[in-house]
């Protein structure tokens, strides 16, 4: 059992709460019974699990069995150590160190109903996490994130995803010009949420693969996405409301795609 706050493993996990250390190690930390259980069920690349026996949950037996089957190491820690390693004030009793995914364009397999979600400069961690969770629920599999988008492995982002990132093909750090080049090469119609666009509910979406761009909470999408072959759509709003939270707007846009296609 790990009991010393000065243990090198403890210090290492603590360091992963910082973005620079995460990027250097290509690792991140997830916390909580539901999150870890979801990671195990979705076959996430878990490196090691740390659990506090005093806070064990009913889920631990099944989690432990799967960890043994997959030969994933786990170790008990005391409450002080768990609290030290955690990014939350009241940790639930379990956390895991997970390897970051390294997806490429070749892992995007386009078919008739494919939707490529493009997140351009989303800044708020809660918004990003919620968008990823909504994307998975609406049937999206592929997500590109441009430079300037909040760190995908920020603890607040992770908590908001509720494990969705383990079932998505995520391509962070992709430049707008490269994304548009991929879309044109693969025949994806590109739509962009924009207050100057055509009404979403009067827009007939193609029965073909498409890409949807949603932009920064304040500035909107990058100028590169405002090219002639990108169709702008807007969500009609009443009573003088000018804009919606970007996570809510993305959900409305994605589920309009679902409604028109009715493939869920």
Protein backbone atom coordinates (compact mmCIF):
# COMPACT_ATOMS: atom_id res chain seq x y z
CA UNK A 1 0.00 0.00 0.00
CA UNK A 2 1.21 3.49 -0.83
CA UNK A 3 1.18 5.62 2.32
CA UNK A 4 3.91 8.21 1.78
CA UNK A 5 3.16 11.50 0.08
CA UNK A 6 6.82 11.59 -0.95
CA UNK A 7 6.61 8.35 -2.93
CA UNK A 8 7.82 8.85 -6.51
CA UNK A 9 4.65 7.28 -7.95
CA UNK A 10 2.54 9.73 -5.99
CA UNK A 11 4.61 12.69 -7.18
CA UNK A 12 4.36 11.45 -10.77
CA UNK A 13 0.57 11.17 -10.70
CA UNK A 14 0.35 14.63 -9.10
CA UNK A 15 2.51 16.03 -11.92
CA UNK A 16 0.02 14.73 -14.50
CA UNK A 17 -2.51 17.27 -13.26
CA UNK A 18 -0.43 19.83 -15.18
CA UNK A 19 -0.79 20.12 -18.95
CA UNK A 20 2.96 20.29 -19.65
CA UNK A 21 3.60 17.05 -17.78
CA UNK A 22 0.65 15.35 -19.51
CA UNK A 23 1.95 16.34 -22.92
CA UNK A 24 5.48 15.18 -22.15
CA UNK A 25 4.34 11.82 -20.76
CA UNK A 26 1.39 11.41 -23.17
CA UNK A 27 -0.67 10.31 -20.17
CA UNK A 28 -3.66 11.68 -18.24
CA UNK A 29 -5.57 10.93 -15.05
CA UNK A 30 -9.22 9.95 -14.70
CA UNK A 31 -11.06 9.84 -11.37
CA UNK A 32 -14.18 8.30 -9.87
CA UNK A 33 -15.86 4.89 -9.90
CA UNK A 34 -18.13 5.51 -12.86
CA UNK A 35 -15.35 7.04 -14.98
CA UNK A 36 -12.84 4.28 -14.28
CA UNK A 37 -15.47 1.56 -14.76
CA UNK A 38 -16.44 3.14 -18.09
CA UNK A 39 -12.78 3.27 -19.14
CA UNK A 40 -12.40 -0.42 -18.29
CA UNK A 41 -15.60 -1.37 -20.14
CA UNK A 42 -14.60 0.65 -23.22
CA UNK A 43 -11.15 -0.96 -23.26
CA UNK A 44 -9.28 2.30 -22.70
CA UNK A 45 -5.44 2.12 -22.66
CA UNK A 46 -5.13 2.19 -18.87
CA UNK A 47 -1.58 2.14 -17.52
CA UNK A 48 -2.32 1.75 -13.79
CA UNK A 49 -5.17 2.06 -11.28
CA UNK A 50 -4.95 3.37 -7.72
CA UNK A 51 -7.69 2.52 -5.22
CA UNK A 52 -8.38 3.42 -1.59
CA UNK A 53 -9.65 0.40 0.32
CA UNK A 54 -11.57 2.54 2.83
CA UNK A 55 -13.64 3.97 0.01
CA UNK A 56 -14.13 0.86 -2.06
CA UNK A 57 -17.36 0.73 -4.04
CA UNK A 58 -19.52 -2.22 -5.02
CA UNK A 59 -18.05 -1.85 -8.51
CA UNK A 60 -14.53 -2.68 -7.34
CA UNK A 61 -14.88 -6.48 -7.51
CA UNK A 62 -15.85 -6.46 -11.18
CA UNK A 63 -13.31 -3.76 -12.04
CA UNK A 64 -10.57 -5.67 -10.25
CA UNK A 65 -11.44 -8.88 -12.07
CA UNK A 66 -11.23 -7.17 -15.46
CA UNK A 67 -7.94 -5.49 -14.55
CA UNK A 68 -6.47 -8.87 -13.69
CA UNK A 69 -7.71 -10.37 -16.95
CA UNK A 70 -6.17 -7.55 -18.95
CA UNK A 71 -2.99 -7.60 -16.82
CA UNK A 72 -3.39 -3.95 -15.85
CA UNK A 73 -1.55 -3.21 -12.58
CA UNK A 74 -3.41 -1.68 -9.63
CA UNK A 75 -2.30 -0.61 -6.19
CA UNK A 76 -3.92 0.35 -2.91
CA UNK A 77 -3.30 3.80 -1.43
CA UNK A 78 -4.38 5.41 1.80
CA UNK A 79 -6.79 8.34 1.93
CA UNK A 80 -4.09 10.99 2.29
CA UNK A 81 -2.28 9.74 -0.78
CA UNK A 82 -5.49 9.52 -2.83
CA UNK A 83 -6.40 13.07 -1.89
CA UNK A 84 -2.91 14.24 -2.85
CA UNK A 85 -3.08 12.60 -6.28
CA UNK A 86 -6.62 13.77 -7.01
CA UNK A 87 -7.68 17.03 -8.69
CA UNK A 88 -10.96 17.04 -6.73
CA UNK A 89 -11.48 18.07 -3.12
CA UNK A 90 -13.44 14.92 -2.25
CA UNK A 91 -12.07 12.03 -4.34
CA UNK A 92 -14.38 9.03 -4.64
CA UNK A 93 -11.78 6.36 -3.96
CA UNK A 94 -10.27 5.43 -7.30
CA UNK A 95 -8.25 6.96 -10.11
CA UNK A 96 -6.39 5.67 -13.13
CA UNK A 97 -3.50 6.77 -15.30
CA UNK A 98 -4.40 6.40 -18.98
CA UNK A 99 -2.38 6.71 -22.20
CA UNK A 100 -3.38 9.47 -24.56
CA UNK A 101 -4.78 8.38 -27.91
CA UNK A 102 -2.86 9.06 -31.13
CA UNK A 103 -5.37 8.98 -33.94
CA UNK A 104 -4.70 9.96 -37.55
CA UNK A 105 -6.68 10.86 -40.65
CA UNK A 106 -6.45 7.23 -41.78
CA UNK A 107 -8.68 6.21 -38.87
CA UNK A 108 -11.59 8.26 -40.17
CA UNK A 109 -13.68 5.86 -42.25
CA UNK A 110 -16.27 7.76 -44.22
CA UNK A 111 -19.62 6.24 -45.17
CA UNK A 112 -22.98 7.63 -46.25
CA UNK A 113 -24.02 8.67 -42.72
CA UNK A 114 -20.66 9.89 -41.39
CA UNK A 115 -20.56 13.17 -39.46
CA UNK A 116 -17.21 14.81 -38.78
CA UNK A 117 -17.54 17.28 -35.91
CA UNK A 118 -15.03 20.14 -36.02
CA UNK A 119 -14.45 22.06 -32.80
CA UNK A 120 -12.69 25.32 -33.54
CA UNK A 121 -11.18 27.14 -30.58
CA UNK A 122 -13.63 26.00 -27.89
CA UNK A 123 -12.26 27.52 -24.68
CA UNK A 124 -14.41 26.38 -21.78
CA UNK A 125 -13.53 22.91 -20.41
CA UNK A 126 -17.12 22.18 -19.41
CA UNK A 127 -18.37 23.10 -22.87
CA UNK A 128 -15.84 20.86 -24.58
CA UNK A 129 -16.62 17.89 -22.36
CA UNK A 130 -20.36 18.32 -22.79
CA UNK A 131 -20.00 18.61 -26.57
CA UNK A 132 -18.02 15.37 -26.75
CA UNK A 133 -20.61 13.54 -24.67
CA UNK A 134 -23.44 14.92 -26.82
CA UNK A 135 -21.56 14.04 -30.00
CA UNK A 136 -21.25 10.41 -28.97
CA UNK A 137 -24.93 10.26 -27.98
CA UNK A 138 -25.99 11.66 -31.35
CA UNK A 139 -24.04 9.07 -33.32
CA UNK A 140 -20.87 11.03 -34.11
CA UNK A 141 -17.65 9.00 -34.13
CA UNK A 142 -15.07 11.48 -35.44
CA UNK A 143 -14.05 14.81 -33.90
CA UNK A 144 -11.34 17.25 -35.00
CA UNK A 145 -10.10 19.95 -32.64
CA UNK A 146 -8.16 22.96 -33.90
CA UNK A 147 -5.17 24.60 -32.18
CA UNK A 148 -6.40 26.97 -29.48
CA UNK A 149 -9.08 24.58 -28.27
CA UNK A 150 -8.82 23.84 -24.56
CA UNK A 151 -6.66 20.85 -23.60
CA UNK A 152 -8.60 17.68 -24.29
CA UNK A 153 -7.19 16.08 -21.13
CA UNK A 154 -7.93 18.96 -18.76
CA UNK A 155 -9.53 17.40 -15.63
CA UNK A 156 -12.68 19.52 -16.06
CA UNK A 157 -13.02 18.41 -19.67
CA UNK A 158 -12.61 14.78 -18.67
CA UNK A 159 -15.25 14.96 -15.94
CA UNK A 160 -17.72 16.55 -18.36
CA UNK A 161 -17.23 13.88 -21.02
CA UNK A 162 -18.42 11.12 -18.64
CA UNK A 163 -16.16 8.69 -20.51
CA UNK A 164 -17.29 9.61 -24.03
CA UNK A 165 -13.73 10.25 -25.21
CA UNK A 166 -12.98 6.51 -24.99
CA UNK A 167 -15.46 5.82 -27.79
CA UNK A 168 -14.59 8.69 -30.13
CA UNK A 169 -11.83 9.04 -32.70
CA UNK A 170 -10.32 12.37 -31.63
CA UNK A 171 -7.83 14.37 -33.68
CA UNK A 172 -6.60 17.37 -31.66
CA UNK A 173 -4.37 20.14 -32.99
CA UNK A 174 -5.58 19.95 -36.61
CA UNK A 175 -5.28 23.17 -38.62
CA UNK A 176 -8.44 24.50 -40.32
CA UNK A 177 -6.81 24.31 -43.76
CA UNK A 178 -5.90 20.65 -43.25
CA UNK A 179 -9.40 19.83 -42.04
CA UNK A 180 -11.00 21.54 -45.04
CA UNK A 181 -8.55 19.79 -47.35
CA UNK A 182 -9.55 16.41 -45.90
CA UNK A 183 -13.26 17.24 -46.25
CA UNK A 184 -12.87 18.26 -49.90
CA UNK A 185 -10.75 15.23 -50.70
CA UNK A 186 -13.26 12.85 -49.14
CA UNK A 187 -16.37 14.57 -50.48
CA UNK A 188 -17.83 15.86 -47.20
CA UNK A 189 -20.27 18.78 -47.39
CA UNK A 190 -19.20 21.30 -44.75
CA UNK A 191 -21.74 23.17 -42.61
CA UNK A 192 -20.92 25.78 -40.00
CA UNK A 193 -22.95 27.15 -37.12
CA UNK A 194 -23.07 30.93 -37.59
CA UNK A 195 -25.51 33.68 -36.59
CA UNK A 196 -25.37 34.99 -40.19
CA UNK A 197 -26.40 31.67 -41.69
CA UNK A 198 -29.59 30.26 -43.15
CA UNK A 199 -32.21 28.89 -40.78
CA UNK A 200 -31.24 25.41 -39.61
CA UNK A 201 -34.85 24.25 -39.87
CA UNK A 202 -35.16 25.38 -43.49
CA UNK A 203 -31.88 23.78 -44.52
CA UNK A 204 -32.11 20.38 -46.19
CA UNK A 205 -29.03 18.42 -45.23
CA UNK A 206 -27.58 16.07 -47.85
CA UNK A 207 -28.10 12.35 -47.52
CA UNK A 208 -24.33 12.01 -47.66
CA UNK A 209 -21.33 12.43 -45.34
CA UNK A 210 -20.97 15.88 -43.86
CA UNK A 211 -18.82 17.94 -41.52
CA UNK A 212 -20.15 20.37 -38.93
CA UNK A 213 -18.04 23.28 -37.64
CA UNK A 214 -18.74 24.98 -34.32
CA UNK A 215 -16.55 27.82 -33.17
CA UNK A 216 -15.13 29.76 -30.27
CA UNK A 217 -17.64 30.93 -27.66
CA UNK A 218 -16.92 34.62 -28.31
CA UNK A 219 -15.34 34.94 -31.75
CA UNK A 220 -17.04 32.12 -33.60
CA UNK A 221 -15.23 29.96 -36.18
CA UNK A 222 -11.88 30.91 -37.73
CA UNK A 223 -11.90 32.99 -40.93
CA UNK A 224 -10.61 29.98 -42.89
CA UNK A 225 -13.91 28.23 -42.29
CA UNK A 226 -15.80 31.11 -43.88
CA UNK A 227 -14.95 30.02 -47.41
CA UNK A 228 -17.48 29.87 -50.24
CA UNK A 229 -18.01 26.12 -50.06
CA UNK A 230 -18.89 26.11 -46.35
CA UNK A 231 -22.63 26.53 -45.80
CA UNK A 232 -23.59 28.59 -42.74
CA UNK A 233 -26.62 27.62 -40.70
CA UNK A 234 -28.14 29.37 -37.72
CA UNK A 235 -30.55 28.34 -34.98
CA UNK A 236 -33.59 30.65 -35.04
CA UNK A 237 -34.10 32.38 -31.69
CA UNK A 238 -37.03 34.32 -30.28
CA UNK A 239 -37.51 37.20 -27.85
CA UNK A 240 -34.30 39.01 -28.71
CA UNK A 241 -31.93 36.23 -27.67
CA UNK A 242 -28.75 36.66 -29.71
CA UNK A 243 -26.84 33.47 -28.98
CA UNK A 244 -26.80 30.17 -27.13
CA UNK A 245 -24.16 28.41 -25.09
CA UNK A 246 -21.93 26.61 -27.61
CA UNK A 247 -22.53 23.18 -26.05
CA UNK A 248 -26.31 23.63 -26.25
CA UNK A 249 -26.09 24.98 -29.79
CA UNK A 250 -23.94 22.03 -30.87
CA UNK A 251 -26.47 19.62 -29.41
CA UNK A 252 -29.30 21.27 -31.35
CA UNK A 253 -27.29 21.18 -34.58
CA UNK A 254 -26.30 17.54 -34.18
CA UNK A 255 -29.78 16.36 -33.34
CA UNK A 256 -31.20 18.19 -36.33
CA UNK A 257 -28.83 16.05 -38.39
CA UNK A 258 -30.22 13.00 -36.58
CA UNK A 259 -33.82 14.12 -37.12
CA UNK A 260 -33.38 14.66 -40.82
CA UNK A 261 -31.52 11.44 -41.37
CA UNK A 262 -33.41 9.35 -38.80
CA UNK A 263 -30.62 6.79 -38.68
CA UNK A 264 -30.45 6.35 -34.89
